[in-house]
């Protein structure tokens, strides 16, 4: 089976921007490296094992990477993983 395409949704982009906006200016390069590392791990893992995350609600699954929880759906027909949201450590979201 061909690897799934991983698509980051607007909520994830907004969460990334919020994290960058939260830190001091001199910390931004480290945060960008961290975010790139997270994205790479998600793409590598979910493109190969799109149904590997734990079930959350309905068709939504969750995958934890470096204490951040990502909510996603796998669309088998199009072979796409849609990452819907990112929740940081300590956020009360359940």
Protein backbone atom coordinates (compact mmCIF):
# COMPACT_ATOMS: atom_id res chain seq x y z
CA UNK A 1 0.00 0.00 0.00
CA UNK A 2 1.20 3.48 -0.87
CA UNK A 3 2.01 5.86 2.00
CA UNK A 4 -0.81 8.18 3.03
CA UNK A 5 -0.63 11.90 2.39
CA UNK A 6 -0.56 13.89 5.64
CA UNK A 7 -2.37 17.25 5.64
CA UNK A 8 -2.11 19.75 8.50
CA UNK A 9 -5.35 21.66 9.02
CA UNK A 10 -5.79 25.34 9.87
CA UNK A 11 -6.26 24.65 13.60
CA UNK A 12 -2.80 23.06 13.72
CA UNK A 13 -1.28 26.01 11.87
CA UNK A 14 -2.96 28.35 14.35
CA UNK A 15 -1.62 26.32 17.30
CA UNK A 16 1.90 26.48 15.82
CA UNK A 17 1.62 30.26 15.40
CA UNK A 18 0.29 30.64 18.96
CA UNK A 19 3.27 28.69 20.29
CA UNK A 20 5.68 30.91 18.35
CA UNK A 21 3.89 34.05 19.56
CA UNK A 22 4.08 32.82 23.17
CA UNK A 23 7.88 32.55 23.41
CA UNK A 24 10.55 35.22 23.69
CA UNK A 25 12.13 36.44 20.47
CA UNK A 26 15.45 34.69 21.13
CA UNK A 27 13.63 31.36 21.65
CA UNK A 28 11.93 31.37 18.24
CA UNK A 29 14.70 29.44 16.38
CA UNK A 30 14.53 26.64 18.97
CA UNK A 31 10.72 26.55 18.74
CA UNK A 32 10.86 26.39 14.94
CA UNK A 33 13.31 23.48 15.15
CA UNK A 34 11.00 21.77 17.65
CA UNK A 35 7.94 22.25 15.42
CA UNK A 36 9.82 20.97 12.38
CA UNK A 37 10.88 17.88 14.33
CA UNK A 38 7.28 17.24 15.44
CA UNK A 39 5.95 17.66 11.90
CA UNK A 40 8.57 15.31 10.53
CA UNK A 41 7.76 12.64 13.13
CA UNK A 42 4.03 12.94 12.46
CA UNK A 43 4.43 12.71 8.70
CA UNK A 44 6.83 9.76 8.92
CA UNK A 45 4.64 7.85 11.37
CA UNK A 46 1.14 8.64 10.10
CA UNK A 47 1.96 8.29 6.40
CA UNK A 48 3.13 4.74 7.10
CA UNK A 49 0.67 3.80 9.87
CA UNK A 50 -2.37 6.07 9.39
CA UNK A 51 -4.55 4.06 11.75
CA UNK A 52 -1.84 3.69 14.38
CA UNK A 53 -3.07 6.33 16.80
CA UNK A 54 -5.47 5.66 19.64
CA UNK A 55 -9.18 6.09 18.95
CA UNK A 56 -10.57 9.24 20.49
CA UNK A 57 -14.13 9.94 19.32
CA UNK A 58 -15.85 8.46 16.30
CA UNK A 59 -13.33 8.39 13.46
CA UNK A 60 -10.98 10.79 15.21
CA UNK A 61 -7.72 9.33 16.47
CA UNK A 62 -5.01 10.86 18.59
CA UNK A 63 -1.24 10.67 18.47
CA UNK A 64 1.06 12.07 21.16
CA UNK A 65 4.42 13.46 20.06
CA UNK A 66 6.72 15.04 22.64
CA UNK A 67 3.85 15.70 25.07
CA UNK A 68 1.67 17.38 22.40
CA UNK A 69 -1.51 15.59 21.37
CA UNK A 70 -2.58 15.68 17.75
CA UNK A 71 -6.13 14.81 16.72
CA UNK A 72 -6.55 13.40 13.24
CA UNK A 73 -8.77 11.45 10.88
CA UNK A 74 -7.70 8.91 8.30
CA UNK A 75 -9.66 8.93 5.04
CA UNK A 76 -9.05 5.53 3.53
CA UNK A 77 -10.71 6.30 0.18
CA UNK A 78 -8.32 9.16 -0.59
CA UNK A 79 -5.49 7.68 1.52
CA UNK A 80 -5.14 10.97 3.41
CA UNK A 81 -4.49 11.77 7.05
CA UNK A 82 -6.06 15.07 8.10
CA UNK A 83 -4.47 16.44 11.25
CA UNK A 84 -7.26 18.45 12.83
CA UNK A 85 -5.81 20.00 15.97
CA UNK A 86 -2.87 20.15 18.34
CA UNK A 87 -3.26 20.28 22.12
CA UNK A 88 -0.37 21.27 24.33
CA UNK A 89 0.65 19.68 27.59
CA UNK A 90 -1.47 20.85 30.48
CA UNK A 91 -4.37 22.02 28.31
CA UNK A 92 -7.71 20.87 29.65
CA UNK A 93 -9.43 19.78 26.43
CA UNK A 94 -11.00 16.40 27.05
